[in-house]
Amino acid sequence: MRDELTHAVEDYLKTIYDLSLNFGRASTTQIAEVLDVAPASVTGMIKKLAGTTPPLLEYQKHRGVVLTMDGEKVALEIIRHHRLLELFLHQTLGYTWDEVDAEADRLEHVISEEFEERIAHVLGNPTHDPHGDPIPTKELEIPSHATLCLSHLRPEERGTIQRVRDTDPELLRYLSEHGITPGASFKVTGYTPFDGNLTLQINGGTKPSVLGTRITQQIFVDKD
């Protein structure tokens, strides 16, 4: 089916999949914000995708959209391409983790399934990308991944950074400079209730890192 779809359609399906993970159903406003298109354009596209054979999504006016099994399969194929490319760019070509998302966006639509599998083989069939996001398997199953948000932790709790949302390159650069990357251990040493700031000790270091909720809500962890 993917051979018959435009890049724009694939972007819509991937976006709806990501939004559905957080909100259950994706609204036209949310889709428009992520894709930077007019809400009217979103409405036209989702009506089109709901009317394909087989339909790629289910749409109810004022209730948003959710992907069908066929739509989810396409989305997961694109996400697999994207995250494998991110890891390949990072590990093999030396891109930093704040550079790989935009480059993978450009390449994810055009690589073949054979090229995808060769990348996976060269990388040792990895399960997570440079940001800690799970890479769908060849069978389009999602490996387990952290869902606990750092913002929920409080002083004396410890854990390990597992994944960071990759939508803001500037944030990724900032976190990298402070050692806050997947695999880093931490201890929460302070919390200020009036603004939600957390103070962290990273990898047993002595220099504290103070993070506001705009940052801690983008980081997912496993607690010790």
N, C-alpha and C. Protein backbone atom coordinates (compact mmCIF):
# COMPACT_ATOMS: atom_id res chain seq x y z
N MET A 1 0.82 -1.22 0.00
CA MET A 1 0.00 0.00 0.00
C MET A 1 0.85 1.26 0.00
N ARG A 2 2.01 1.24 0.68
CA ARG A 2 2.82 2.44 0.80
C ARG A 2 3.22 3.01 -0.54
N ASP A 3 3.41 2.16 -1.53
CA ASP A 3 3.84 2.63 -2.85
C ASP A 3 2.81 3.57 -3.48
N GLU A 4 1.56 3.47 -3.02
CA GLU A 4 0.48 4.27 -3.61
C GLU A 4 0.27 5.59 -2.86
N LEU A 5 0.99 5.81 -1.75
CA LEU A 5 0.73 6.97 -0.89
C LEU A 5 1.76 8.07 -1.13
N THR A 6 1.31 9.31 -1.02
CA THR A 6 2.22 10.45 -1.15
C THR A 6 2.97 10.66 0.16
N HIS A 7 4.05 11.42 0.08
CA HIS A 7 4.80 11.75 1.29
C HIS A 7 3.93 12.50 2.29
N ALA A 8 3.07 13.37 1.79
CA ALA A 8 2.19 14.14 2.68
C ALA A 8 1.26 13.22 3.45
N VAL A 9 0.70 12.22 2.78
CA VAL A 9 -0.18 11.28 3.47
C VAL A 9 0.58 10.53 4.55
N GLU A 10 1.79 10.09 4.23
CA GLU A 10 2.60 9.38 5.23
C GLU A 10 2.89 10.27 6.43
N ASP A 11 3.14 11.55 6.19
CA ASP A 11 3.38 12.49 7.30
C ASP A 11 2.13 12.62 8.17
N TYR A 12 0.97 12.68 7.53
CA TYR A 12 -0.27 12.76 8.30
C TYR A 12 -0.45 11.52 9.18
N LEU A 13 -0.23 10.36 8.61
CA LEU A 13 -0.44 9.12 9.37
C LEU A 13 0.55 9.01 10.54
N LYS A 14 1.79 9.39 10.29
CA LYS A 14 2.79 9.35 11.37
C LYS A 14 2.41 10.34 12.47
N THR A 15 1.98 11.52 12.09
CA THR A 15 1.60 12.54 13.07
C THR A 15 0.41 12.10 13.89
N ILE A 16 -0.61 11.55 13.24
CA ILE A 16 -1.79 11.08 13.96
C ILE A 16 -1.43 9.95 14.91
N TYR A 17 -0.54 9.07 14.49
CA TYR A 17 -0.12 7.99 15.38
C TYR A 17 0.54 8.56 16.63
N ASP A 18 1.47 9.48 16.46
CA ASP A 18 2.17 10.07 17.61
C ASP A 18 1.20 10.79 18.54
N LEU A 19 0.29 11.58 17.98
CA LEU A 19 -0.67 12.30 18.81
C LEU A 19 -1.61 11.35 19.54
N SER A 20 -1.99 10.26 18.89
CA SER A 20 -2.90 9.30 19.51
C SER A 20 -2.28 8.64 20.73
N LEU A 21 -0.97 8.47 20.73
CA LEU A 21 -0.30 7.87 21.89
C LEU A 21 -0.49 8.72 23.13
N ASN A 22 -0.54 10.04 22.95
CA ASN A 22 -0.65 10.95 24.09
C ASN A 22 -2.09 11.34 24.42
N PHE A 23 -2.95 11.39 23.39
CA PHE A 23 -4.28 11.95 23.60
C PHE A 23 -5.43 11.00 23.26
N GLY A 24 -5.12 9.80 22.80
CA GLY A 24 -6.18 8.85 22.45
C GLY A 24 -6.70 9.09 21.05
N ARG A 25 -7.20 10.29 20.79
CA ARG A 25 -7.62 10.69 19.45
C ARG A 25 -6.94 12.01 19.12
N ALA A 26 -6.62 12.20 17.86
CA ALA A 26 -5.93 13.42 17.43
C ALA A 26 -6.95 14.41 16.88
N SER A 27 -6.88 15.65 17.35
CA SER A 27 -7.79 16.67 16.85
C SER A 27 -7.21 17.33 15.60
N THR A 28 -8.08 17.96 14.81
CA THR A 28 -7.61 18.65 13.61
C THR A 28 -6.68 19.80 13.99
N THR A 29 -6.95 20.46 15.12
CA THR A 29 -6.09 21.56 15.56
C THR A 29 -4.69 21.06 15.89
N GLN A 30 -4.62 19.94 16.60
CA GLN A 30 -3.31 19.37 16.95
C GLN A 30 -2.52 18.98 15.70
N ILE A 31 -3.20 18.33 14.77
CA ILE A 31 -2.53 17.91 13.53
C ILE A 31 -2.03 19.13 12.76
N ALA A 32 -2.87 20.17 12.68
CA ALA A 32 -2.49 21.39 11.96
C ALA A 32 -1.26 22.04 12.59
N GLU A 33 -1.19 22.04 13.93
CA GLU A 33 -0.05 22.65 14.62
C GLU A 33 1.24 21.88 14.34
N VAL A 34 1.18 20.56 14.40
CA VAL A 34 2.38 19.75 14.20
C VAL A 34 2.88 19.88 12.77
N LEU A 35 1.96 19.83 11.80
CA LEU A 35 2.35 19.84 10.39
C LEU A 35 2.46 21.25 9.81
N ASP A 36 2.06 22.25 10.60
CA ASP A 36 2.12 23.65 10.18
C ASP A 36 1.32 23.87 8.90
N VAL A 37 0.07 23.41 8.91
CA VAL A 37 -0.85 23.61 7.79
C VAL A 37 -2.16 24.17 8.33
N ALA A 38 -3.01 24.67 7.46
CA ALA A 38 -4.28 25.24 7.86
C ALA A 38 -5.24 24.15 8.32
N PRO A 39 -6.05 24.41 9.36
CA PRO A 39 -7.03 23.42 9.81
C PRO A 39 -7.95 22.93 8.70
N ALA A 40 -8.30 23.81 7.78
CA ALA A 40 -9.18 23.41 6.68
C ALA A 40 -8.49 22.35 5.80
N SER A 41 -7.19 22.50 5.60
CA SER A 41 -6.45 21.51 4.83
C SER A 41 -6.44 20.16 5.54
N VAL A 42 -6.31 20.20 6.88
CA VAL A 42 -6.33 18.97 7.67
C VAL A 42 -7.67 18.27 7.53
N THR A 43 -8.74 19.03 7.62
CA THR A 43 -10.08 18.45 7.50
C THR A 43 -10.25 17.76 6.15
N GLY A 44 -9.80 18.42 5.09
CA GLY A 44 -9.91 17.82 3.77
C GLY A 44 -9.12 16.53 3.66
N MET A 45 -7.91 16.51 4.22
CA MET A 45 -7.07 15.32 4.13
C MET A 45 -7.65 14.16 4.94
N ILE A 46 -8.13 14.43 6.16
CA ILE A 46 -8.62 13.31 6.97
C ILE A 46 -9.91 12.73 6.39
N LYS A 47 -10.71 13.57 5.76
CA LYS A 47 -11.90 13.04 5.08
C LYS A 47 -11.49 12.12 3.92
N LYS A 48 -10.44 12.52 3.21
CA LYS A 48 -9.93 11.72 2.11
C LYS A 48 -9.41 10.38 2.62
N LEU A 49 -8.65 10.40 3.72
CA LEU A 49 -8.05 9.18 4.25
C LEU A 49 -9.08 8.26 4.90
N ALA A 50 -10.17 8.86 5.39
CA ALA A 50 -11.25 8.05 5.94
C ALA A 50 -12.05 7.36 4.84
N GLY A 51 -11.92 7.88 3.60
CA GLY A 51 -12.70 7.32 2.49
C GLY A 51 -11.92 6.42 1.57
N THR A 52 -10.64 6.13 1.90
CA THR A 52 -9.86 5.23 1.06
C THR A 52 -10.34 3.79 1.23
N THR A 53 -9.90 2.92 0.32
CA THR A 53 -10.23 1.49 0.43
C THR A 53 -8.94 0.69 0.51
N PRO A 54 -8.64 0.09 1.67
CA PRO A 54 -9.37 0.21 2.94
C PRO A 54 -9.14 1.58 3.57
N PRO A 55 -10.03 2.02 4.47
CA PRO A 55 -9.84 3.32 5.12
C PRO A 55 -8.60 3.30 6.02
N LEU A 56 -7.89 4.43 6.04
CA LEU A 56 -6.67 4.53 6.83
C LEU A 56 -6.89 5.16 8.20
N LEU A 57 -8.05 5.79 8.37
CA LEU A 57 -8.38 6.35 9.67
C LEU A 57 -9.88 6.43 9.85
N GLU A 58 -10.29 6.60 11.10
CA GLU A 58 -11.70 6.82 11.44
C GLU A 58 -11.85 8.26 11.92
N TYR A 59 -12.83 8.95 11.37
CA TYR A 59 -13.03 10.36 11.68
C TYR A 59 -14.46 10.61 12.13
N GLN A 60 -14.60 11.28 13.29
CA GLN A 60 -15.90 11.72 13.77
C GLN A 60 -15.82 13.22 14.05
N LYS A 61 -16.69 13.97 13.45
CA LYS A 61 -16.67 15.42 13.60
C LYS A 61 -16.70 15.81 15.07
N HIS A 62 -15.81 16.72 15.45
CA HIS A 62 -15.66 17.24 16.82
C HIS A 62 -15.10 16.20 17.79
N ARG A 63 -14.76 15.02 17.32
CA ARG A 63 -14.17 14.01 18.21
C ARG A 63 -12.79 13.57 17.76
N GLY A 64 -12.31 14.15 16.68
CA GLY A 64 -10.97 13.86 16.23
C GLY A 64 -10.88 12.57 15.43
N VAL A 65 -9.65 12.08 15.26
CA VAL A 65 -9.41 10.92 14.40
C VAL A 65 -8.55 9.89 15.13
N VAL A 66 -8.66 8.65 14.67
CA VAL A 66 -7.81 7.57 15.13
C VAL A 66 -7.50 6.69 13.92
N LEU A 67 -6.31 6.14 13.87
CA LEU A 67 -5.93 5.31 12.74
C LEU A 67 -6.61 3.95 12.79
N THR A 68 -6.93 3.43 11.62
CA THR A 68 -7.35 2.04 11.52
C THR A 68 -6.11 1.16 11.59
N MET A 69 -6.29 -0.14 11.60
CA MET A 69 -5.14 -1.05 11.61
C MET A 69 -4.27 -0.85 10.37
N ASP A 70 -4.92 -0.61 9.22
CA ASP A 70 -4.15 -0.37 8.00
C ASP A 70 -3.37 0.94 8.08
N GLY A 71 -3.99 1.98 8.62
CA GLY A 71 -3.30 3.25 8.77
C GLY A 71 -2.16 3.16 9.77
N GLU A 72 -2.37 2.42 10.85
CA GLU A 72 -1.31 2.25 11.85
C GLU A 72 -0.13 1.49 11.27
N LYS A 73 -0.40 0.51 10.43
CA LYS A 73 0.68 -0.25 9.81
C LYS A 73 1.57 0.66 8.97
N VAL A 74 0.96 1.54 8.18
CA VAL A 74 1.75 2.47 7.37
C VAL A 74 2.55 3.40 8.27
N ALA A 75 1.89 3.92 9.32
CA ALA A 75 2.59 4.85 10.23
C ALA A 75 3.80 4.18 10.87
N LEU A 76 3.64 2.93 11.31
CA LEU A 76 4.74 2.23 11.96
C LEU A 76 5.87 1.93 10.99
N GLU A 77 5.55 1.67 9.74
CA GLU A 77 6.60 1.47 8.74
C GLU A 77 7.44 2.74 8.57
N ILE A 78 6.77 3.89 8.52
CA ILE A 78 7.48 5.16 8.37
C ILE A 78 8.30 5.45 9.64
N ILE A 79 7.72 5.19 10.79
CA ILE A 79 8.44 5.43 12.05
C ILE A 79 9.67 4.52 12.13
N ARG A 80 9.54 3.27 11.67
CA ARG A 80 10.71 2.37 11.66
C ARG A 80 11.81 2.95 10.77
N HIS A 81 11.44 3.38 9.57
CA HIS A 81 12.41 4.02 8.68
C HIS A 81 13.08 5.20 9.38
N HIS A 82 12.26 6.06 9.95
CA HIS A 82 12.76 7.30 10.54
C HIS A 82 13.76 7.03 11.66
N ARG A 83 13.40 6.14 12.57
CA ARG A 83 14.24 5.93 13.75
C ARG A 83 15.50 5.13 13.42
N LEU A 84 15.40 4.21 12.46
CA LEU A 84 16.62 3.53 12.01
C LEU A 84 17.57 4.52 11.33
N LEU A 85 17.01 5.42 10.52
CA LEU A 85 17.83 6.43 9.87
C LEU A 85 18.49 7.35 10.90
N GLU A 86 17.74 7.75 11.92
CA GLU A 86 18.32 8.60 12.96
C GLU A 86 19.54 7.92 13.59
N LEU A 87 19.39 6.64 13.93
CA LEU A 87 20.48 5.93 14.57
C LEU A 87 21.66 5.76 13.62
N PHE A 88 21.37 5.46 12.36
CA PHE A 88 22.43 5.32 11.35
C PHE A 88 23.19 6.64 11.18
N LEU A 89 22.47 7.72 11.07
CA LEU A 89 23.10 9.04 10.93
C LEU A 89 23.96 9.37 12.14
N HIS A 90 23.48 9.00 13.32
CA HIS A 90 24.18 9.32 14.56
C HIS A 90 25.41 8.45 14.75
N GLN A 91 25.22 7.13 14.63
CA GLN A 91 26.31 6.20 14.94
C GLN A 91 27.33 6.06 13.81
N THR A 92 26.86 6.10 12.57
CA THR A 92 27.74 5.80 11.44
C THR A 92 28.27 7.05 10.77
N LEU A 93 27.45 8.08 10.66
CA LEU A 93 27.86 9.28 9.94
C LEU A 93 28.23 10.44 10.85
N GLY A 94 28.09 10.26 12.16
CA GLY A 94 28.57 11.27 13.09
C GLY A 94 27.66 12.46 13.30
N TYR A 95 26.41 12.39 12.88
CA TYR A 95 25.46 13.47 13.18
C TYR A 95 25.21 13.52 14.69
N THR A 96 25.02 14.72 15.24
CA THR A 96 24.64 14.83 16.64
C THR A 96 23.15 14.53 16.79
N TRP A 97 22.74 14.23 18.02
CA TRP A 97 21.34 13.79 18.20
C TRP A 97 20.33 14.90 17.95
N ASP A 98 20.78 16.15 17.94
CA ASP A 98 19.86 17.24 17.63
C ASP A 98 19.75 17.49 16.12
N GLU A 99 20.60 16.84 15.32
CA GLU A 99 20.59 17.04 13.86
C GLU A 99 19.83 15.94 13.12
N VAL A 100 19.66 14.77 13.74
CA VAL A 100 19.21 13.60 12.98
C VAL A 100 17.73 13.64 12.60
N ASP A 101 16.89 14.29 13.40
CA ASP A 101 15.45 14.25 13.14
C ASP A 101 15.11 14.88 11.80
N ALA A 102 15.62 16.08 11.55
CA ALA A 102 15.30 16.78 10.30
C ALA A 102 15.83 16.01 9.09
N GLU A 103 17.04 15.44 9.21
CA GLU A 103 17.61 14.69 8.09
C GLU A 103 16.80 13.42 7.83
N ALA A 104 16.41 12.73 8.90
CA ALA A 104 15.61 11.51 8.74
C ALA A 104 14.23 11.82 8.16
N ASP A 105 13.68 12.98 8.48
CA ASP A 105 12.39 13.39 7.89
C ASP A 105 12.47 13.43 6.37
N ARG A 106 13.61 13.87 5.87
CA ARG A 106 13.77 13.98 4.42
C ARG A 106 13.98 12.63 3.75
N LEU A 107 14.57 11.69 4.47
CA LEU A 107 14.94 10.41 3.87
C LEU A 107 13.92 9.29 4.09
N GLU A 108 13.09 9.40 5.10
CA GLU A 108 12.24 8.28 5.52
C GLU A 108 11.27 7.82 4.44
N HIS A 109 10.88 8.73 3.55
CA HIS A 109 9.88 8.38 2.53
C HIS A 109 10.47 7.67 1.32
N VAL A 110 11.77 7.77 1.14
CA VAL A 110 12.34 7.35 -0.14
C VAL A 110 13.19 6.08 -0.06
N ILE A 111 13.55 5.63 1.13
CA ILE A 111 14.36 4.41 1.19
C ILE A 111 13.48 3.19 0.96
N SER A 112 14.07 2.17 0.38
CA SER A 112 13.35 0.92 0.12
C SER A 112 13.34 0.04 1.36
N GLU A 113 12.49 -1.00 1.34
CA GLU A 113 12.46 -1.94 2.45
C GLU A 113 13.79 -2.69 2.55
N GLU A 114 14.43 -2.97 1.41
CA GLU A 114 15.72 -3.65 1.43
C GLU A 114 16.77 -2.76 2.09
N PHE A 115 16.77 -1.47 1.75
CA PHE A 115 17.73 -0.55 2.35
C PHE A 115 17.49 -0.46 3.85
N GLU A 116 16.23 -0.41 4.25
CA GLU A 116 15.88 -0.38 5.67
C GLU A 116 16.47 -1.58 6.40
N GLU A 117 16.29 -2.77 5.82
CA GLU A 117 16.78 -3.98 6.49
C GLU A 117 18.30 -4.03 6.53
N ARG A 118 18.96 -3.47 5.52
CA ARG A 118 20.43 -3.44 5.55
C ARG A 118 20.93 -2.52 6.65
N ILE A 119 20.25 -1.39 6.83
CA ILE A 119 20.60 -0.50 7.93
C ILE A 119 20.42 -1.23 9.25
N ALA A 120 19.27 -1.89 9.42
CA ALA A 120 19.00 -2.60 10.67
C ALA A 120 20.07 -3.65 10.94
N HIS A 121 20.48 -4.38 9.89
CA HIS A 121 21.49 -5.42 10.04
C HIS A 121 22.84 -4.83 10.45
N VAL A 122 23.25 -3.75 9.77
CA VAL A 122 24.53 -3.12 10.07
C VAL A 122 24.55 -2.60 11.51
N LEU A 123 23.41 -2.12 11.98
CA LEU A 123 23.34 -1.55 13.33
C LEU A 123 23.10 -2.61 14.41
N GLY A 124 22.94 -3.88 13.98
CA GLY A 124 22.71 -4.94 14.96
C GLY A 124 21.27 -5.05 15.41
N ASN A 125 20.33 -4.72 14.51
CA ASN A 125 18.90 -4.78 14.82
C ASN A 125 18.57 -4.06 16.13
N PRO A 126 18.82 -2.76 16.19
CA PRO A 126 18.63 -2.00 17.43
C PRO A 126 17.16 -1.88 17.81
N THR A 127 16.93 -1.59 19.07
CA THR A 127 15.56 -1.45 19.58
C THR A 127 15.16 -0.01 19.86
N HIS A 128 16.16 0.91 19.96
CA HIS A 128 15.84 2.30 20.29
C HIS A 128 16.74 3.25 19.50
N ASP A 129 16.19 4.43 19.20
CA ASP A 129 16.93 5.43 18.43
C ASP A 129 17.80 6.30 19.36
N PRO A 130 18.52 7.31 18.85
CA PRO A 130 19.41 8.09 19.72
C PRO A 130 18.71 8.84 20.85
N HIS A 131 17.41 9.08 20.70
CA HIS A 131 16.67 9.80 21.74
C HIS A 131 16.00 8.86 22.73
N GLY A 132 16.18 7.53 22.52
CA GLY A 132 15.56 6.55 23.40
C GLY A 132 14.19 6.10 22.96
N ASP A 133 13.70 6.59 21.82
CA ASP A 133 12.40 6.16 21.33
C ASP A 133 12.49 4.75 20.75
N PRO A 134 11.47 3.92 20.95
CA PRO A 134 11.52 2.55 20.46
C PRO A 134 11.42 2.48 18.95
N ILE A 135 12.20 1.59 18.35
CA ILE A 135 12.15 1.36 16.91
C ILE A 135 11.23 0.18 16.64
N PRO A 136 10.14 0.37 15.90
CA PRO A 136 9.28 -0.78 15.58
C PRO A 136 10.09 -1.91 14.95
N THR A 137 9.75 -3.14 15.30
CA THR A 137 10.44 -4.29 14.73
C THR A 137 10.04 -4.46 13.26
N LYS A 138 10.70 -5.40 12.59
CA LYS A 138 10.35 -5.71 11.21
C LYS A 138 8.90 -6.13 11.11
N GLU A 139 8.38 -6.75 12.17
CA GLU A 139 6.97 -7.17 12.22
C GLU A 139 6.05 -6.05 12.68
N LEU A 140 6.62 -4.84 12.86
CA LEU A 140 5.90 -3.62 13.24
C LEU A 140 5.31 -3.72 14.64
N GLU A 141 6.06 -4.35 15.54
CA GLU A 141 5.72 -4.36 16.95
C GLU A 141 6.63 -3.36 17.67
N ILE A 142 6.10 -2.72 18.71
CA ILE A 142 6.85 -1.69 19.42
C ILE A 142 7.52 -2.28 20.66
N PRO A 143 8.86 -2.17 20.77
CA PRO A 143 9.54 -2.62 21.99
C PRO A 143 9.07 -1.82 23.21
N SER A 144 9.27 -2.38 24.39
CA SER A 144 8.89 -1.67 25.61
C SER A 144 9.71 -0.39 25.74
N HIS A 145 9.11 0.63 26.35
CA HIS A 145 9.80 1.89 26.51
C HIS A 145 9.24 2.64 27.71
N ALA A 146 10.06 3.54 28.24
CA ALA A 146 9.69 4.28 29.45
C ALA A 146 8.53 5.23 29.18
N THR A 147 7.59 5.28 30.11
CA THR A 147 6.45 6.19 29.99
C THR A 147 6.32 7.12 31.21
N LEU A 148 7.19 6.96 32.21
CA LEU A 148 7.14 7.80 33.40
C LEU A 148 7.86 9.12 33.13
N CYS A 149 7.13 10.21 33.27
CA CYS A 149 7.68 11.54 33.00
C CYS A 149 8.53 12.01 34.19
N LEU A 150 9.69 12.58 33.89
CA LEU A 150 10.58 13.08 34.94
C LEU A 150 9.88 14.09 35.85
N SER A 151 8.96 14.86 35.31
CA SER A 151 8.28 15.90 36.10
C SER A 151 7.50 15.33 37.28
N HIS A 152 7.22 14.02 37.29
CA HIS A 152 6.45 13.40 38.37
C HIS A 152 7.31 13.02 39.57
N LEU A 153 8.65 13.06 39.42
CA LEU A 153 9.52 12.63 40.50
C LEU A 153 9.76 13.74 41.52
N ARG A 154 10.18 13.32 42.72
CA ARG A 154 10.40 14.25 43.82
C ARG A 154 11.72 13.93 44.54
N PRO A 155 12.19 14.83 45.43
CA PRO A 155 13.50 14.65 46.06
C PRO A 155 13.72 13.27 46.66
N GLU A 156 14.95 12.81 46.49
CA GLU A 156 15.50 11.53 46.95
C GLU A 156 15.17 10.38 46.00
N GLU A 157 14.33 10.62 45.01
CA GLU A 157 14.07 9.55 44.04
C GLU A 157 15.20 9.51 43.01
N ARG A 158 15.51 8.29 42.58
CA ARG A 158 16.60 8.06 41.64
C ARG A 158 16.08 7.32 40.42
N GLY A 159 16.86 7.38 39.35
CA GLY A 159 16.46 6.64 38.16
C GLY A 159 17.47 6.80 37.04
N THR A 160 17.03 6.41 35.84
CA THR A 160 17.87 6.48 34.65
C THR A 160 17.07 7.14 33.53
N ILE A 161 17.69 8.09 32.84
CA ILE A 161 17.06 8.70 31.68
C ILE A 161 16.92 7.64 30.59
N GLN A 162 15.71 7.49 30.04
CA GLN A 162 15.48 6.50 29.00
C GLN A 162 15.20 7.12 27.64
N ARG A 163 14.42 8.18 27.59
CA ARG A 163 14.15 8.80 26.29
C ARG A 163 13.80 10.27 26.46
N VAL A 164 14.02 11.02 25.39
CA VAL A 164 13.76 12.46 25.36
C VAL A 164 13.02 12.77 24.07
N ARG A 165 11.97 13.55 24.15
CA ARG A 165 11.27 13.94 22.93
C ARG A 165 12.22 14.72 22.02
N ASP A 166 12.12 14.45 20.71
CA ASP A 166 13.13 14.97 19.78
C ASP A 166 12.64 16.14 18.94
N THR A 167 11.60 16.84 19.38
CA THR A 167 11.00 17.88 18.54
C THR A 167 11.71 19.23 18.64
N ASP A 168 12.61 19.41 19.60
CA ASP A 168 13.25 20.71 19.81
C ASP A 168 14.77 20.54 19.81
N PRO A 169 15.45 20.80 18.67
CA PRO A 169 16.91 20.64 18.60
C PRO A 169 17.65 21.47 19.64
N GLU A 170 17.17 22.68 19.93
CA GLU A 170 17.83 23.53 20.92
C GLU A 170 17.81 22.87 22.30
N LEU A 171 16.68 22.27 22.66
CA LEU A 171 16.57 21.57 23.94
C LEU A 171 17.54 20.38 23.97
N LEU A 172 17.62 19.63 22.88
CA LEU A 172 18.53 18.48 22.84
C LEU A 172 19.98 18.92 23.03
N ARG A 173 20.35 20.03 22.41
CA ARG A 173 21.72 20.53 22.59
C ARG A 173 21.97 20.91 24.04
N TYR A 174 20.99 21.57 24.66
CA TYR A 174 21.12 21.97 26.06
C TYR A 174 21.28 20.75 26.96
N LEU A 175 20.44 19.74 26.76
CA LEU A 175 20.51 18.54 27.59
C LEU A 175 21.83 17.82 27.41
N SER A 176 22.31 17.75 26.17
CA SER A 176 23.58 17.08 25.90
C SER A 176 24.72 17.78 26.63
N GLU A 177 24.71 19.10 26.65
CA GLU A 177 25.75 19.86 27.34
C GLU A 177 25.78 19.57 28.83
N HIS A 178 24.62 19.17 29.38
CA HIS A 178 24.52 18.88 30.82
C HIS A 178 24.53 17.38 31.12
N GLY A 179 24.82 16.56 30.10
CA GLY A 179 24.91 15.13 30.33
C GLY A 179 23.59 14.43 30.53
N ILE A 180 22.49 15.10 30.17
CA ILE A 180 21.16 14.53 30.39
C ILE A 180 20.72 13.86 29.09
N THR A 181 21.18 12.63 28.92
CA THR A 181 20.93 11.86 27.70
C THR A 181 20.52 10.45 28.10
N PRO A 182 19.91 9.68 27.18
CA PRO A 182 19.52 8.31 27.53
C PRO A 182 20.69 7.51 28.08
N GLY A 183 20.43 6.83 29.20
CA GLY A 183 21.45 6.06 29.87
C GLY A 183 22.06 6.75 31.07
N ALA A 184 21.87 8.07 31.19
CA ALA A 184 22.42 8.81 32.33
C ALA A 184 21.61 8.50 33.59
N SER A 185 22.31 8.29 34.70
CA SER A 185 21.64 8.09 35.99
C SER A 185 21.46 9.44 36.67
N PHE A 186 20.49 9.52 37.57
CA PHE A 186 20.23 10.80 38.24
C PHE A 186 19.62 10.56 39.62
N LYS A 187 19.73 11.60 40.43
CA LYS A 187 19.03 11.66 41.71
C LYS A 187 18.36 13.02 41.80
N VAL A 188 17.11 13.05 42.20
CA VAL A 188 16.41 14.32 42.41
C VAL A 188 16.80 14.84 43.79
N THR A 189 17.41 16.01 43.83
CA THR A 189 17.88 16.57 45.10
C THR A 189 17.07 17.79 45.54
N GLY A 190 16.20 18.30 44.67
CA GLY A 190 15.41 19.45 45.06
C GLY A 190 14.17 19.61 44.21
N TYR A 191 13.15 20.27 44.80
CA TYR A 191 11.89 20.54 44.09
C TYR A 191 11.28 21.80 44.65
N THR A 192 10.86 22.70 43.76
CA THR A 192 10.19 23.93 44.20
C THR A 192 8.75 23.90 43.73
N PRO A 193 7.80 23.77 44.65
CA PRO A 193 6.39 23.58 44.29
C PRO A 193 5.79 24.72 43.49
N PHE A 194 6.24 25.96 43.72
CA PHE A 194 5.57 27.10 43.08
C PHE A 194 5.83 27.16 41.58
N ASP A 195 6.94 26.57 41.10
CA ASP A 195 7.20 26.58 39.66
C ASP A 195 7.49 25.20 39.09
N GLY A 196 7.54 24.17 39.95
CA GLY A 196 7.74 22.81 39.49
C GLY A 196 9.17 22.48 39.10
N ASN A 197 10.12 23.37 39.39
CA ASN A 197 11.52 23.09 39.04
C ASN A 197 12.07 21.91 39.82
N LEU A 198 12.84 21.06 39.12
CA LEU A 198 13.55 19.95 39.76
C LEU A 198 15.05 20.22 39.71
N THR A 199 15.74 19.88 40.80
CA THR A 199 17.20 19.92 40.82
C THR A 199 17.70 18.48 40.77
N LEU A 200 18.60 18.21 39.81
CA LEU A 200 19.09 16.85 39.60
C LEU A 200 20.59 16.78 39.80
N GLN A 201 21.02 15.62 40.31
CA GLN A 201 22.44 15.25 40.32
C GLN A 201 22.60 14.20 39.23
N ILE A 202 23.42 14.48 38.23
CA ILE A 202 23.54 13.62 37.05
C ILE A 202 24.81 12.78 37.14
N ASN A 203 24.64 11.45 36.98
CA ASN A 203 25.77 10.52 36.97
C ASN A 203 26.69 10.69 38.18
N GLY A 204 26.09 11.00 39.32
CA GLY A 204 26.87 11.12 40.54
C GLY A 204 27.71 12.37 40.64
N GLY A 205 27.54 13.31 39.71
CA GLY A 205 28.34 14.53 39.71
C GLY A 205 27.96 15.46 40.85
N THR A 206 28.77 16.50 41.03
CA THR A 206 28.53 17.45 42.12
C THR A 206 27.85 18.73 41.64
N LYS A 207 27.88 18.99 40.34
CA LYS A 207 27.26 20.20 39.81
C LYS A 207 25.78 19.94 39.54
N PRO A 208 24.88 20.64 40.25
CA PRO A 208 23.45 20.38 40.07
C PRO A 208 22.91 20.94 38.76
N SER A 209 21.87 20.30 38.25
CA SER A 209 21.14 20.79 37.08
C SER A 209 19.73 21.12 37.51
N VAL A 210 19.29 22.35 37.26
CA VAL A 210 17.93 22.77 37.61
C VAL A 210 17.11 22.83 36.32
N LEU A 211 16.03 22.06 36.29
CA LEU A 211 15.20 21.95 35.09
C LEU A 211 13.77 22.36 35.40
N GLY A 212 13.20 23.20 34.54
CA GLY A 212 11.80 23.58 34.66
C GLY A 212 10.88 22.56 34.03
N THR A 213 9.58 22.76 34.23
CA THR A 213 8.61 21.78 33.74
C THR A 213 8.60 21.68 32.22
N ARG A 214 8.94 22.76 31.51
CA ARG A 214 8.98 22.69 30.04
C ARG A 214 9.98 21.64 29.58
N ILE A 215 11.02 21.42 30.40
CA ILE A 215 12.03 20.42 30.07
C ILE A 215 11.67 19.07 30.66
N THR A 216 11.32 19.03 31.94
CA THR A 216 11.08 17.74 32.60
C THR A 216 9.90 16.99 32.02
N GLN A 217 8.97 17.69 31.37
CA GLN A 217 7.84 17.03 30.73
C GLN A 217 8.23 16.38 29.40
N GLN A 218 9.45 16.66 28.92
CA GLN A 218 9.91 16.07 27.67
C GLN A 218 10.84 14.86 27.90
N ILE A 219 11.09 14.52 29.18
CA ILE A 219 12.05 13.48 29.53
C ILE A 219 11.33 12.33 30.21
N PHE A 220 11.63 11.10 29.80
CA PHE A 220 10.99 9.91 30.37
C PHE A 220 12.05 9.02 30.99
N VAL A 221 11.70 8.41 32.13
CA VAL A 221 12.71 7.75 32.95
C VAL A 221 12.21 6.41 33.47
N ASP A 222 13.16 5.61 33.92
CA ASP A 222 12.88 4.44 34.75
C ASP A 222 13.36 4.75 36.16
N LYS A 223 12.53 4.49 37.16
CA LYS A 223 12.94 4.71 38.55
C LYS A 223 13.71 3.51 39.07
N ASP A 224 14.70 3.77 39.92
CA ASP A 224 15.44 2.71 40.58
C ASP A 224 14.58 2.10 41.69
